[in-house]
Structures are given as C-alpha cells and as structure tokens.
Amino acid sequence: MNMRKSAFAAMTTVSLLSFSFGGQMFAAGNPFKDLDSVSGKDKIISLQSQGLLKGVSDTQFLPASKVTAAQGIQLISGGFQLSLAAIDFNKAPQASGLFAHVKDTAWYAEAFINAHYNGVEIPKDIDPSKTLTKEEFTHMLIQGMEKAGSLPMIKIAPVTIADGSKLEPSYQGSIQRSLIYKVNTLDANKKFNPKSEITRAEAAVMLYNALEYLTAHKA
C-alpha cells in the first residue's frame, strides 16, 4: 500500500489551494475589518483576496480566537489537499474507528481521516474541541507540509531556542524544521512559546509561510 499521496505534484501555484477553519463559516468577500493591529495582516489579506481564506462573516476574521483541534486539522488537511486518492482500501475507513472522540458525521471527520493516512500524527484520544498549543499545531502542520511537498529529509544545525526546555521532546524536530522552512520565527527574546494557545491569525500565517516555501521548492 502506498501511504503517500504526492499532493504537491498537483499544486502548481498557491492559488490552487483553499482551506477553511471549518464549521459555520462564510466566504469573505472584502478584506477583514478586524486586522488593523494584527501581525501578519498582509499575509492573511493575501489569502483572503485570492479566495483562499474564510472568516466568521464577510468582514470578521476574529484573529485572536483560539484554534481547536478540529479546526486545525481541517486547516492542515484542506490547505495541503491531503486525500486518500493514492491509497487502496478494502473498506472505506471511518473516523470513529481511528479516533475515540471523532464522530463519523462530524464536519471535520474527513479531514481527520485524510490527515491520519497521510502521515500526520494525531493522538487517537484527541478531543476535537481542545484548543491547540503552538507546538502541537506546528508538529502536525510540518508533517502535512512535508508529505504534501514530498520534501526530503534534511540535516540541520539546530537553532538555539531560549525556552527550548519547555518543548515537548517528540515535537522538537518538527519545530526546528519549521524554523528552517521559515514557517515559524522566534520572538525578540529567542523564545518559541510552545505552550501558548495558537490563534487563528497565527495559524493562517503559518499556513501561508508553508505554502510559500512549497511553491519555492517544488518537487
């Protein structure tokens, strides 16, 4: 069984991609009105202007709102167009058979299945309503990015992270690579702030950066 779908082969430009934070969202027709003081505003607007980003209304993005596991995994799966197209099954997989708390009828169920079978490590007992931390979202985003772009394993010189002792050990590799890919940056004090709850604005900017890297490094 080929567990990898080379989704990036079909991604000739970033304009081919679309994603949603899931749930009851509406397409944003005009630039969001609540981004004036938001870091990464231009990247969010760029995604919105291309029809790639959805908000909670035509004019509101709610950049400071926290991202749940359901929303984050939907973002990763949809953003990188992860699917089961290259995987053969005798029986179609069900989310409830993979995750203890994901119902098969949930709006995000397909995203969980697609991410799982494309190598994104999602805890089997994850609570979809749980707010994701920066390190949790980074770990899953980088896995989805590397699978979608068929990126090769790279040897890196680890970046010194001032609060590196706070990182979950199993996430360290993904976080280091996110810095090399410039998906993430450290703050002015060289901290990553791994335990902070990730916001919609932060997640959108990270996806933008990941897609930008893939566009510049086509397989």
N, C-alpha and C. Protein backbone atom coordinates (compact mmCIF):
# COMPACT_ATOMS: atom_id res chain seq x y z
N MET A 1 0.83 -1.20 0.00
CA MET A 1 0.00 0.00 0.00
C MET A 1 0.87 1.25 0.00
N ASN A 2 0.55 2.15 -0.92
CA ASN A 2 1.27 3.42 -0.97
C ASN A 2 0.58 4.41 -0.06
N MET A 3 1.21 4.72 1.07
CA MET A 3 0.56 5.56 2.07
C MET A 3 0.76 7.04 1.81
N ARG A 4 1.46 7.39 0.75
CA ARG A 4 1.74 8.81 0.47
C ARG A 4 1.06 9.26 -0.80
N LYS A 5 0.38 10.34 -0.71
CA LYS A 5 -0.16 10.98 -1.91
C LYS A 5 0.69 12.19 -2.19
N SER A 6 1.29 12.24 -3.35
CA SER A 6 2.14 13.38 -3.67
C SER A 6 1.26 14.53 -4.12
N ALA A 7 0.59 15.12 -3.14
CA ALA A 7 -0.38 16.17 -3.44
C ALA A 7 0.27 17.38 -4.08
N PHE A 8 1.51 17.64 -3.73
CA PHE A 8 2.15 18.86 -4.22
C PHE A 8 2.38 18.81 -5.73
N ALA A 9 2.40 17.60 -6.30
CA ALA A 9 2.58 17.49 -7.75
C ALA A 9 1.46 18.19 -8.49
N ALA A 10 0.31 18.26 -7.85
CA ALA A 10 -0.84 18.91 -8.48
C ALA A 10 -0.96 20.38 -8.11
N MET A 11 -0.06 20.84 -7.25
CA MET A 11 -0.15 22.22 -6.80
C MET A 11 0.86 23.08 -7.57
N THR A 12 0.44 23.64 -8.67
CA THR A 12 1.35 24.42 -9.49
C THR A 12 1.51 25.84 -8.96
N THR A 13 0.49 26.32 -8.29
CA THR A 13 0.58 27.64 -7.65
C THR A 13 -0.23 27.60 -6.38
N VAL A 14 0.04 28.55 -5.53
CA VAL A 14 -0.69 28.60 -4.26
C VAL A 14 -2.17 28.90 -4.48
N SER A 15 -2.49 29.49 -5.65
CA SER A 15 -3.88 29.84 -5.91
C SER A 15 -4.76 28.62 -6.13
N LEU A 16 -4.17 27.44 -6.24
CA LEU A 16 -4.96 26.23 -6.40
C LEU A 16 -5.51 25.73 -5.08
N LEU A 17 -5.04 26.30 -3.98
CA LEU A 17 -5.38 25.78 -2.67
C LEU A 17 -6.48 26.59 -2.02
N SER A 18 -7.25 25.92 -1.19
CA SER A 18 -8.25 26.60 -0.38
C SER A 18 -8.37 25.89 0.93
N PHE A 19 -8.78 26.63 1.96
CA PHE A 19 -8.99 25.98 3.24
C PHE A 19 -10.01 26.74 4.06
N SER A 20 -10.53 26.08 5.06
CA SER A 20 -11.49 26.69 5.97
C SER A 20 -11.16 26.25 7.37
N PHE A 21 -11.47 27.11 8.32
CA PHE A 21 -11.32 26.73 9.71
C PHE A 21 -12.51 25.87 10.13
N GLY A 22 -13.38 25.55 9.19
CA GLY A 22 -14.43 24.59 9.44
C GLY A 22 -15.65 25.19 10.12
N GLY A 23 -16.71 24.35 10.21
CA GLY A 23 -17.90 24.78 10.90
C GLY A 23 -18.70 25.75 10.07
N GLN A 24 -19.42 26.62 10.73
CA GLN A 24 -20.31 27.54 10.06
C GLN A 24 -19.56 28.79 9.65
N MET A 25 -18.90 28.71 8.51
CA MET A 25 -18.11 29.83 8.01
C MET A 25 -18.74 30.35 6.72
N PHE A 26 -18.36 31.58 6.38
CA PHE A 26 -18.87 32.21 5.17
C PHE A 26 -17.70 32.77 4.39
N ALA A 27 -17.78 32.71 3.07
CA ALA A 27 -16.70 33.24 2.24
C ALA A 27 -16.54 34.73 2.48
N ALA A 28 -15.30 35.15 2.61
CA ALA A 28 -15.03 36.56 2.86
C ALA A 28 -14.89 37.30 1.55
N GLY A 29 -15.79 38.26 1.27
CA GLY A 29 -15.76 38.96 0.01
C GLY A 29 -14.86 40.18 0.01
N ASN A 30 -14.74 40.86 1.14
CA ASN A 30 -13.90 42.04 1.27
C ASN A 30 -12.87 41.81 2.37
N PRO A 31 -11.79 42.59 2.35
CA PRO A 31 -10.79 42.43 3.41
C PRO A 31 -11.43 42.53 4.78
N PHE A 32 -10.96 41.70 5.68
CA PHE A 32 -11.49 41.70 7.03
C PHE A 32 -11.23 43.04 7.71
N LYS A 33 -12.16 43.46 8.53
CA LYS A 33 -12.08 44.76 9.19
C LYS A 33 -11.45 44.70 10.58
N ASP A 34 -11.08 43.50 11.02
CA ASP A 34 -10.56 43.37 12.38
C ASP A 34 -9.08 42.95 12.40
N LEU A 35 -8.33 43.41 11.39
CA LEU A 35 -6.92 43.01 11.29
C LEU A 35 -5.94 44.18 11.45
N ASP A 36 -6.44 45.36 11.79
CA ASP A 36 -5.60 46.56 11.78
C ASP A 36 -4.30 46.42 12.56
N SER A 37 -4.34 45.82 13.72
CA SER A 37 -3.14 45.72 14.55
C SER A 37 -2.58 44.30 14.61
N VAL A 38 -2.96 43.48 13.65
CA VAL A 38 -2.58 42.07 13.67
C VAL A 38 -1.27 41.84 12.93
N SER A 39 -0.34 41.15 13.58
CA SER A 39 0.91 40.77 12.91
C SER A 39 0.60 39.74 11.83
N GLY A 40 1.14 39.95 10.64
CA GLY A 40 0.85 39.04 9.54
C GLY A 40 -0.40 39.44 8.77
N LYS A 41 -0.87 40.65 9.00
CA LYS A 41 -2.09 41.13 8.35
C LYS A 41 -2.02 40.96 6.83
N ASP A 42 -0.90 41.34 6.22
CA ASP A 42 -0.79 41.29 4.76
C ASP A 42 -0.92 39.86 4.23
N LYS A 43 -0.39 38.90 4.99
CA LYS A 43 -0.47 37.50 4.55
C LYS A 43 -1.90 36.98 4.64
N ILE A 44 -2.59 37.38 5.69
CA ILE A 44 -3.98 36.97 5.84
C ILE A 44 -4.84 37.58 4.74
N ILE A 45 -4.61 38.86 4.47
CA ILE A 45 -5.36 39.54 3.41
C ILE A 45 -5.05 38.94 2.05
N SER A 46 -3.78 38.57 1.84
CA SER A 46 -3.40 37.95 0.57
C SER A 46 -4.18 36.65 0.34
N LEU A 47 -4.26 35.83 1.37
CA LEU A 47 -5.02 34.59 1.26
C LEU A 47 -6.49 34.88 1.02
N GLN A 48 -7.01 35.87 1.74
CA GLN A 48 -8.42 36.23 1.58
C GLN A 48 -8.72 36.76 0.19
N SER A 49 -7.83 37.60 -0.33
CA SER A 49 -8.07 38.22 -1.64
C SER A 49 -8.04 37.21 -2.77
N GLN A 50 -7.34 36.09 -2.56
CA GLN A 50 -7.30 35.03 -3.56
C GLN A 50 -8.43 34.01 -3.38
N GLY A 51 -9.28 34.27 -2.39
CA GLY A 51 -10.38 33.35 -2.12
C GLY A 51 -9.95 32.11 -1.38
N LEU A 52 -8.80 32.19 -0.70
CA LEU A 52 -8.26 31.01 -0.03
C LEU A 52 -8.60 30.96 1.45
N LEU A 53 -9.15 32.05 2.00
CA LEU A 53 -9.36 32.14 3.43
C LEU A 53 -10.80 32.51 3.74
N LYS A 54 -11.35 31.88 4.73
CA LYS A 54 -12.71 32.16 5.14
C LYS A 54 -12.74 32.68 6.57
N GLY A 55 -13.68 33.57 6.83
CA GLY A 55 -13.83 34.11 8.17
C GLY A 55 -15.16 33.73 8.77
N VAL A 56 -15.50 34.34 9.88
CA VAL A 56 -16.77 34.04 10.52
C VAL A 56 -17.90 34.88 9.94
N SER A 57 -17.55 35.89 9.13
CA SER A 57 -18.53 36.69 8.40
C SER A 57 -17.79 37.34 7.24
N ASP A 58 -18.48 38.16 6.48
CA ASP A 58 -17.84 38.81 5.34
C ASP A 58 -16.72 39.75 5.77
N THR A 59 -16.80 40.30 6.97
CA THR A 59 -15.84 41.32 7.39
C THR A 59 -15.07 40.97 8.65
N GLN A 60 -15.36 39.84 9.26
CA GLN A 60 -14.69 39.46 10.50
C GLN A 60 -13.92 38.15 10.36
N PHE A 61 -12.67 38.20 10.80
CA PHE A 61 -11.83 37.01 10.83
C PHE A 61 -11.62 36.49 12.25
N LEU A 62 -11.79 37.35 13.23
CA LEU A 62 -11.56 37.02 14.64
C LEU A 62 -10.14 36.45 14.83
N PRO A 63 -9.13 37.25 14.52
CA PRO A 63 -7.75 36.77 14.53
C PRO A 63 -7.24 36.26 15.87
N ALA A 64 -7.80 36.77 16.95
CA ALA A 64 -7.31 36.38 18.28
C ALA A 64 -7.99 35.13 18.83
N SER A 65 -9.01 34.66 18.14
CA SER A 65 -9.71 33.46 18.61
C SER A 65 -8.78 32.25 18.55
N LYS A 66 -8.96 31.33 19.47
CA LYS A 66 -8.10 30.16 19.54
C LYS A 66 -8.55 29.09 18.54
N VAL A 67 -7.61 28.29 18.11
CA VAL A 67 -7.87 27.23 17.12
C VAL A 67 -8.06 25.90 17.84
N THR A 68 -9.17 25.24 17.58
CA THR A 68 -9.41 23.92 18.16
C THR A 68 -8.72 22.85 17.31
N ALA A 69 -8.64 21.65 17.85
CA ALA A 69 -8.05 20.54 17.10
C ALA A 69 -8.83 20.28 15.82
N ALA A 70 -10.15 20.35 15.90
CA ALA A 70 -10.98 20.14 14.70
C ALA A 70 -10.65 21.17 13.63
N GLN A 71 -10.56 22.44 14.02
CA GLN A 71 -10.27 23.50 13.07
C GLN A 71 -8.85 23.39 12.53
N GLY A 72 -7.91 23.09 13.42
CA GLY A 72 -6.51 23.00 12.99
C GLY A 72 -6.26 21.88 12.01
N ILE A 73 -6.85 20.71 12.27
CA ILE A 73 -6.64 19.56 11.38
C ILE A 73 -7.37 19.78 10.06
N GLN A 74 -8.54 20.43 10.10
CA GLN A 74 -9.22 20.79 8.87
C GLN A 74 -8.36 21.73 8.04
N LEU A 75 -7.72 22.68 8.71
CA LEU A 75 -6.84 23.65 8.04
C LEU A 75 -5.68 22.94 7.36
N ILE A 76 -5.06 22.01 8.06
CA ILE A 76 -3.90 21.29 7.52
C ILE A 76 -4.31 20.38 6.37
N SER A 77 -5.36 19.61 6.58
CA SER A 77 -5.81 18.67 5.55
C SER A 77 -6.28 19.39 4.29
N GLY A 78 -7.07 20.44 4.47
CA GLY A 78 -7.57 21.19 3.32
C GLY A 78 -6.50 22.04 2.68
N GLY A 79 -5.66 22.66 3.50
CA GLY A 79 -4.63 23.54 2.96
C GLY A 79 -3.62 22.82 2.09
N PHE A 80 -3.28 21.60 2.47
CA PHE A 80 -2.31 20.81 1.70
C PHE A 80 -2.98 19.79 0.79
N GLN A 81 -4.29 19.82 0.74
CA GLN A 81 -5.07 18.93 -0.12
C GLN A 81 -4.71 17.46 0.11
N LEU A 82 -4.65 17.07 1.36
CA LEU A 82 -4.38 15.68 1.69
C LEU A 82 -5.63 14.86 1.38
N SER A 83 -5.44 13.69 0.76
CA SER A 83 -6.59 12.86 0.41
C SER A 83 -6.19 11.40 0.44
N LEU A 84 -7.15 10.55 0.13
CA LEU A 84 -6.91 9.10 0.09
C LEU A 84 -6.78 8.61 -1.35
N ALA A 85 -6.56 9.51 -2.29
CA ALA A 85 -6.56 9.16 -3.71
C ALA A 85 -5.55 8.08 -4.07
N ALA A 86 -4.40 8.05 -3.40
CA ALA A 86 -3.35 7.09 -3.76
C ALA A 86 -3.31 5.89 -2.81
N ILE A 87 -4.36 5.73 -2.01
CA ILE A 87 -4.39 4.65 -1.03
C ILE A 87 -5.55 3.72 -1.31
N ASP A 88 -5.29 2.42 -1.33
CA ASP A 88 -6.33 1.43 -1.60
C ASP A 88 -6.84 0.83 -0.29
N PHE A 89 -8.15 0.74 -0.19
CA PHE A 89 -8.76 0.15 0.99
C PHE A 89 -9.76 -0.93 0.57
N ASN A 90 -9.82 -1.99 1.35
CA ASN A 90 -10.86 -2.99 1.12
C ASN A 90 -12.20 -2.46 1.60
N LYS A 91 -12.12 -1.59 2.60
CA LYS A 91 -13.31 -0.97 3.18
C LYS A 91 -12.98 0.47 3.53
N ALA A 92 -13.88 1.36 3.19
CA ALA A 92 -13.63 2.78 3.46
C ALA A 92 -13.41 3.00 4.96
N PRO A 93 -12.36 3.73 5.32
CA PRO A 93 -12.10 3.96 6.74
C PRO A 93 -13.12 4.91 7.36
N GLN A 94 -13.35 4.74 8.64
CA GLN A 94 -14.26 5.61 9.37
C GLN A 94 -13.49 6.32 10.48
N ALA A 95 -13.82 7.56 10.68
CA ALA A 95 -13.12 8.34 11.71
C ALA A 95 -13.28 7.72 13.08
N SER A 96 -14.46 7.19 13.37
CA SER A 96 -14.71 6.62 14.69
C SER A 96 -13.87 5.37 14.95
N GLY A 97 -13.38 4.75 13.89
CA GLY A 97 -12.52 3.59 14.04
C GLY A 97 -11.07 3.97 14.29
N LEU A 98 -10.76 5.24 14.07
CA LEU A 98 -9.39 5.74 14.25
C LEU A 98 -9.25 6.61 15.49
N PHE A 99 -10.31 7.34 15.81
CA PHE A 99 -10.24 8.31 16.91
C PHE A 99 -11.42 8.11 17.86
N ALA A 100 -11.11 8.08 19.13
CA ALA A 100 -12.11 7.77 20.15
C ALA A 100 -13.23 8.81 20.24
N HIS A 101 -12.92 10.06 19.91
CA HIS A 101 -13.89 11.13 20.13
C HIS A 101 -14.31 11.86 18.86
N VAL A 102 -14.09 11.23 17.71
CA VAL A 102 -14.47 11.85 16.43
C VAL A 102 -15.63 11.05 15.83
N LYS A 103 -16.78 11.69 15.70
CA LYS A 103 -17.95 11.03 15.14
C LYS A 103 -17.85 11.02 13.61
N ASP A 104 -18.37 9.97 13.01
CA ASP A 104 -18.30 9.84 11.56
C ASP A 104 -19.09 10.92 10.83
N THR A 105 -20.06 11.50 11.51
CA THR A 105 -20.89 12.54 10.89
C THR A 105 -20.37 13.95 11.13
N ALA A 106 -19.28 14.09 11.87
CA ALA A 106 -18.75 15.41 12.18
C ALA A 106 -18.23 16.09 10.92
N TRP A 107 -18.34 17.42 10.85
CA TRP A 107 -17.92 18.16 9.66
C TRP A 107 -16.42 18.02 9.40
N TYR A 108 -15.66 17.68 10.43
CA TYR A 108 -14.22 17.57 10.31
C TYR A 108 -13.73 16.12 10.20
N ALA A 109 -14.65 15.15 10.16
CA ALA A 109 -14.27 13.74 10.18
C ALA A 109 -13.36 13.37 9.00
N GLU A 110 -13.71 13.83 7.81
CA GLU A 110 -12.91 13.50 6.62
C GLU A 110 -11.50 14.07 6.73
N ALA A 111 -11.39 15.27 7.28
CA ALA A 111 -10.07 15.88 7.44
C ALA A 111 -9.19 15.06 8.37
N PHE A 112 -9.77 14.53 9.44
CA PHE A 112 -9.02 13.69 10.36
C PHE A 112 -8.54 12.42 9.66
N ILE A 113 -9.41 11.80 8.87
CA ILE A 113 -9.05 10.58 8.14
C ILE A 113 -7.93 10.86 7.14
N ASN A 114 -8.10 11.91 6.34
CA ASN A 114 -7.10 12.24 5.32
C ASN A 114 -5.75 12.57 5.94
N ALA A 115 -5.76 13.32 7.02
CA ALA A 115 -4.50 13.67 7.68
C ALA A 115 -3.83 12.42 8.26
N HIS A 116 -4.61 11.59 8.90
CA HIS A 116 -4.08 10.37 9.51
C HIS A 116 -3.37 9.49 8.48
N TYR A 117 -4.03 9.23 7.36
CA TYR A 117 -3.46 8.33 6.35
C TYR A 117 -2.39 8.99 5.50
N ASN A 118 -2.15 10.25 5.70
CA ASN A 118 -1.04 10.93 5.02
C ASN A 118 0.07 11.26 6.00
N GLY A 119 0.11 10.54 7.10
CA GLY A 119 1.26 10.61 7.99
C GLY A 119 1.25 11.69 9.05
N VAL A 120 0.14 12.39 9.22
CA VAL A 120 0.06 13.39 10.28
C VAL A 120 -0.29 12.67 11.58
N GLU A 121 0.55 12.81 12.56
CA GLU A 121 0.36 12.11 13.82
C GLU A 121 -0.67 12.83 14.69
N ILE A 122 -1.83 12.21 14.82
CA ILE A 122 -2.92 12.76 15.61
C ILE A 122 -3.22 11.76 16.73
N PRO A 123 -3.17 12.17 17.97
CA PRO A 123 -3.47 11.25 19.07
C PRO A 123 -4.85 10.60 18.90
N LYS A 124 -4.94 9.31 19.13
CA LYS A 124 -6.19 8.60 18.95
C LYS A 124 -7.28 9.07 19.90
N ASP A 125 -6.87 9.61 21.06
CA ASP A 125 -7.85 10.06 22.05
C ASP A 125 -8.01 11.58 22.04
N ILE A 126 -7.63 12.23 20.96
CA ILE A 126 -7.71 13.69 20.91
C ILE A 126 -9.15 14.16 21.02
N ASP A 127 -9.34 15.27 21.73
CA ASP A 127 -10.64 15.91 21.85
C ASP A 127 -10.72 16.98 20.77
N PRO A 128 -11.62 16.84 19.77
CA PRO A 128 -11.71 17.80 18.68
C PRO A 128 -11.94 19.24 19.13
N SER A 129 -12.55 19.41 20.31
CA SER A 129 -12.84 20.76 20.81
C SER A 129 -11.68 21.35 21.60
N LYS A 130 -10.63 20.56 21.80
CA LYS A 130 -9.45 21.00 22.54
C LYS A 130 -8.73 22.12 21.79
N THR A 131 -8.31 23.15 22.52
CA THR A 131 -7.53 24.21 21.90
C THR A 131 -6.09 23.74 21.70
N LEU A 132 -5.56 23.95 20.51
CA LEU A 132 -4.20 23.52 20.21
C LEU A 132 -3.16 24.51 20.70
N THR A 133 -2.04 23.98 21.16
CA THR A 133 -0.91 24.84 21.50
C THR A 133 -0.09 25.09 20.24
N LYS A 134 0.79 26.04 20.32
CA LYS A 134 1.64 26.36 19.17
C LYS A 134 2.49 25.17 18.76
N GLU A 135 3.02 24.44 19.73
CA GLU A 135 3.88 23.31 19.38
C GLU A 135 3.07 22.15 18.80
N GLU A 136 1.84 21.94 19.27
CA GLU A 136 1.01 20.87 18.73
C GLU A 136 0.64 21.16 17.28
N PHE A 137 0.20 22.39 17.02
CA PHE A 137 -0.18 22.75 15.65
C PHE A 137 1.03 22.72 14.73
N THR A 138 2.16 23.22 15.19
CA THR A 138 3.38 23.21 14.38
C THR A 138 3.76 21.79 14.01
N HIS A 139 3.74 20.89 14.96
CA HIS A 139 4.13 19.50 14.72
C HIS A 139 3.27 18.88 13.61
N MET A 140 1.96 19.08 13.68
CA MET A 140 1.07 18.49 12.68
C MET A 140 1.18 19.21 11.34
N LEU A 141 1.30 20.54 11.38
CA LEU A 141 1.42 21.30 10.13
C LEU A 141 2.66 20.90 9.36
N ILE A 142 3.79 20.77 10.04
CA ILE A 142 5.03 20.41 9.36
C ILE A 142 4.95 19.01 8.77
N GLN A 143 4.32 18.09 9.46
CA GLN A 143 4.14 16.75 8.92
C GLN A 143 3.30 16.79 7.65
N GLY A 144 2.21 17.55 7.67
CA GLY A 144 1.38 17.68 6.48
C GLY A 144 2.12 18.36 5.35
N MET A 145 2.88 19.38 5.66
CA MET A 145 3.66 20.11 4.67
C MET A 145 4.68 19.21 4.00
N GLU A 146 5.40 18.44 4.79
CA GLU A 146 6.45 17.58 4.25
C GLU A 146 5.89 16.45 3.40
N LYS A 147 4.73 15.93 3.78
CA LYS A 147 4.09 14.89 2.99
C LYS A 147 3.57 15.46 1.68
N ALA A 148 2.90 16.61 1.76
CA ALA A 148 2.33 17.22 0.56
C ALA A 148 3.40 17.60 -0.45
N GLY A 149 4.52 18.11 0.05
CA GLY A 149 5.59 18.55 -0.85
C GLY A 149 6.62 17.50 -1.15
N SER A 150 6.44 16.29 -0.59
CA SER A 150 7.44 15.22 -0.74
C SER A 150 8.84 15.76 -0.43
N LEU A 151 8.93 16.53 0.63
CA LEU A 151 10.21 17.15 0.99
C LEU A 151 11.19 16.10 1.50
N PRO A 152 12.44 16.20 1.10
CA PRO A 152 13.45 15.24 1.55
C PRO A 152 13.84 15.49 2.99
N MET A 153 14.36 14.47 3.63
CA MET A 153 14.90 14.65 4.97
C MET A 153 16.10 15.59 4.87
N ILE A 154 16.20 16.52 5.80
CA ILE A 154 17.30 17.46 5.76
C ILE A 154 18.12 17.40 7.04
N LYS A 155 19.41 17.66 6.89
CA LYS A 155 20.28 17.72 8.05
C LYS A 155 20.42 19.18 8.44
N ILE A 156 20.07 19.49 9.66
CA ILE A 156 20.08 20.88 10.08
C ILE A 156 20.96 21.09 11.31
N ALA A 157 21.42 22.30 11.43
CA ALA A 157 22.11 22.71 12.66
C ALA A 157 21.03 23.31 13.54
N PRO A 158 20.71 22.67 14.65
CA PRO A 158 19.60 23.14 15.49
C PRO A 158 19.75 24.60 15.90
N VAL A 159 18.65 25.31 15.82
CA VAL A 159 18.60 26.71 16.26
C VAL A 159 18.48 26.72 17.78
N THR A 160 19.18 27.64 18.42
CA THR A 160 19.07 27.76 19.87
C THR A 160 17.75 28.45 20.22
N ILE A 161 16.94 27.76 21.00
CA ILE A 161 15.64 28.28 21.42
C ILE A 161 15.71 28.55 22.92
N ALA A 162 15.49 29.80 23.30
CA ALA A 162 15.67 30.20 24.70
C ALA A 162 14.82 29.41 25.67
N ASP A 163 13.61 29.06 25.25
CA ASP A 163 12.74 28.27 26.11
C ASP A 163 12.62 26.83 25.60
N GLY A 164 13.71 26.35 25.02
CA GLY A 164 13.73 25.00 24.46
C GLY A 164 13.42 23.92 25.47
N SER A 165 13.70 24.16 26.74
CA SER A 165 13.43 23.16 27.77
C SER A 165 11.94 22.92 27.97
N LYS A 166 11.12 23.83 27.46
CA LYS A 166 9.67 23.71 27.61
C LYS A 166 9.04 22.92 26.46
N LEU A 167 9.83 22.61 25.43
CA LEU A 167 9.29 21.90 24.28
C LEU A 167 8.98 20.45 24.62
N GLU A 168 7.90 19.93 24.07
CA GLU A 168 7.64 18.50 24.13
C GLU A 168 8.74 17.82 23.31
N PRO A 169 9.50 16.89 23.90
CA PRO A 169 10.64 16.28 23.20
C PRO A 169 10.30 15.72 21.82
N SER A 170 9.14 15.09 21.69
CA SER A 170 8.79 14.48 20.40
C SER A 170 8.44 15.51 19.33
N TYR A 171 8.29 16.78 19.72
CA TYR A 171 7.97 17.82 18.75
C TYR A 171 9.21 18.61 18.33
N GLN A 172 10.33 18.39 18.97
CA GLN A 172 11.49 19.23 18.74
C GLN A 172 11.95 19.24 17.28
N GLY A 173 11.97 18.07 16.65
CA GLY A 173 12.41 18.01 15.26
C GLY A 173 11.53 18.83 14.34
N SER A 174 10.21 18.69 14.49
CA SER A 174 9.27 19.44 13.66
C SER A 174 9.41 20.94 13.89
N ILE A 175 9.59 21.32 15.14
CA ILE A 175 9.73 22.74 15.46
C ILE A 175 11.01 23.31 14.87
N GLN A 176 12.11 22.56 14.98
CA GLN A 176 13.37 23.02 14.38
C GLN A 176 13.23 23.17 12.88
N ARG A 177 12.57 22.21 12.23
CA ARG A 177 12.41 22.30 10.77
C ARG A 177 11.47 23.45 10.40
N SER A 178 10.50 23.74 11.26
CA SER A 178 9.60 24.87 10.97
C SER A 178 10.37 26.19 10.95
N LEU A 179 11.42 26.26 11.74
CA LEU A 179 12.26 27.46 11.75
C LEU A 179 13.14 27.52 10.50
N ILE A 180 13.65 26.37 10.07
CA ILE A 180 14.46 26.31 8.85
C ILE A 180 13.61 26.65 7.63
N TYR A 181 12.37 26.14 7.61
CA TYR A 181 11.46 26.43 6.49
C TYR A 181 10.91 27.85 6.56
N LYS A 182 11.16 28.53 7.67
CA LYS A 182 10.63 29.88 7.91
C LYS A 182 9.11 29.90 8.01
N VAL A 183 8.57 28.78 8.42
CA VAL A 183 7.15 28.72 8.74
C VAL A 183 6.92 29.45 10.06
N ASN A 184 7.87 29.29 10.97
CA ASN A 184 7.85 29.96 12.27
C ASN A 184 9.09 30.80 12.45
N THR A 185 9.02 31.75 13.35
CA THR A 185 10.19 32.51 13.78
C THR A 185 10.15 32.62 15.30
N LEU A 186 11.30 32.82 15.90
CA LEU A 186 11.35 33.04 17.34
C LEU A 186 11.02 34.51 17.64
N ASP A 187 10.60 34.76 18.87
CA ASP A 187 10.29 36.14 19.22
C ASP A 187 11.57 36.92 19.52
N ALA A 188 11.43 38.16 19.94
CA ALA A 188 12.59 39.02 20.17
C ALA A 188 13.53 38.48 21.24
N ASN A 189 13.00 37.64 22.10
CA ASN A 189 13.82 37.04 23.15
C ASN A 189 14.29 35.63 22.80
N LYS A 190 14.17 35.27 21.52
CA LYS A 190 14.58 33.97 21.01
C LYS A 190 13.74 32.83 21.61
N LYS A 191 12.51 33.14 21.97
CA LYS A 191 11.62 32.14 22.53
C LYS A 191 10.61 31.66 21.48
N PHE A 192 10.19 30.40 21.62
CA PHE A 192 9.19 29.83 20.72
C PHE A 192 7.80 29.87 21.34
N ASN A 193 7.73 29.89 22.65
CA ASN A 193 6.46 29.90 23.37
C ASN A 193 5.58 28.70 23.00
N PRO A 194 6.11 27.50 23.19
CA PRO A 194 5.43 26.29 22.72
C PRO A 194 4.09 26.00 23.36
N LYS A 195 3.89 26.42 24.59
CA LYS A 195 2.65 26.09 25.30
C LYS A 195 1.55 27.12 25.11
N SER A 196 1.84 28.20 24.38
CA SER A 196 0.81 29.20 24.13
C SER A 196 -0.26 28.62 23.21
N GLU A 197 -1.50 29.02 23.42
CA GLU A 197 -2.59 28.54 22.57
C GLU A 197 -2.56 29.31 21.26
N ILE A 198 -2.57 28.59 20.16
CA ILE A 198 -2.42 29.23 18.86
C ILE A 198 -3.70 29.92 18.44
N THR A 199 -3.55 31.08 17.82
CA THR A 199 -4.70 31.86 17.37
C THR A 199 -4.96 31.62 15.88
N ARG A 200 -6.13 32.06 15.45
CA ARG A 200 -6.48 31.93 14.03
C ARG A 200 -5.49 32.69 13.16
N ALA A 201 -5.08 33.87 13.61
CA ALA A 201 -4.13 34.66 12.83
C ALA A 201 -2.79 33.93 12.72
N GLU A 202 -2.29 33.39 13.82
CA GLU A 202 -1.02 32.68 13.81
C GLU A 202 -1.08 31.46 12.91
N ALA A 203 -2.17 30.71 12.99
CA ALA A 203 -2.31 29.50 12.18
C ALA A 203 -2.37 29.84 10.69
N ALA A 204 -3.09 30.90 10.34
CA ALA A 204 -3.19 31.32 8.95
C ALA A 204 -1.84 31.74 8.40
N VAL A 205 -1.10 32.52 9.18
CA VAL A 205 0.23 32.97 8.75
C VAL A 205 1.17 31.78 8.58
N MET A 206 1.10 30.82 9.47
CA MET A 206 1.95 29.64 9.35
C MET A 206 1.63 28.86 8.08
N LEU A 207 0.35 28.70 7.77
CA LEU A 207 -0.02 28.01 6.54
C LEU A 207 0.48 28.78 5.33
N TYR A 208 0.31 30.09 5.34
CA TYR A 208 0.80 30.92 4.23
C TYR A 208 2.30 30.69 4.03
N ASN A 209 3.05 30.73 5.12
CA ASN A 209 4.50 30.54 5.03
C ASN A 209 4.86 29.16 4.49
N ALA A 210 4.11 28.15 4.92
CA ALA A 210 4.37 26.79 4.46
C ALA A 210 4.10 26.66 2.97
N LEU A 211 2.99 27.22 2.50
CA LEU A 211 2.66 27.16 1.08
C LEU A 211 3.66 27.94 0.24
N GLU A 212 4.12 29.05 0.79
CA GLU A 212 5.13 29.86 0.10
C GLU A 212 6.43 29.06 -0.07
N TYR A 213 6.81 28.34 0.98
CA TYR A 213 8.01 27.52 0.91
C TYR A 213 7.84 26.41 -0.14
N LEU A 214 6.69 25.75 -0.14
CA LEU A 214 6.47 24.68 -1.11
C LEU A 214 6.45 25.20 -2.55
N THR A 215 5.90 26.38 -2.74
CA THR A 215 5.88 26.96 -4.08
C THR A 215 7.30 27.25 -4.57
N ALA A 216 8.17 27.66 -3.63
CA ALA A 216 9.55 27.97 -3.99
C ALA A 216 10.44 26.73 -4.10
N HIS A 217 9.96 25.59 -3.59
CA HIS A 217 10.75 24.36 -3.59
C HIS A 217 9.92 23.21 -4.14
N LYS A 218 9.45 23.38 -5.37
CA LYS A 218 8.59 22.37 -5.98
C LYS A 218 9.35 21.07 -6.15
N ALA A 219 8.64 19.94 -5.89
CA ALA A 219 9.25 18.63 -6.03
C ALA A 219 9.57 18.36 -7.49
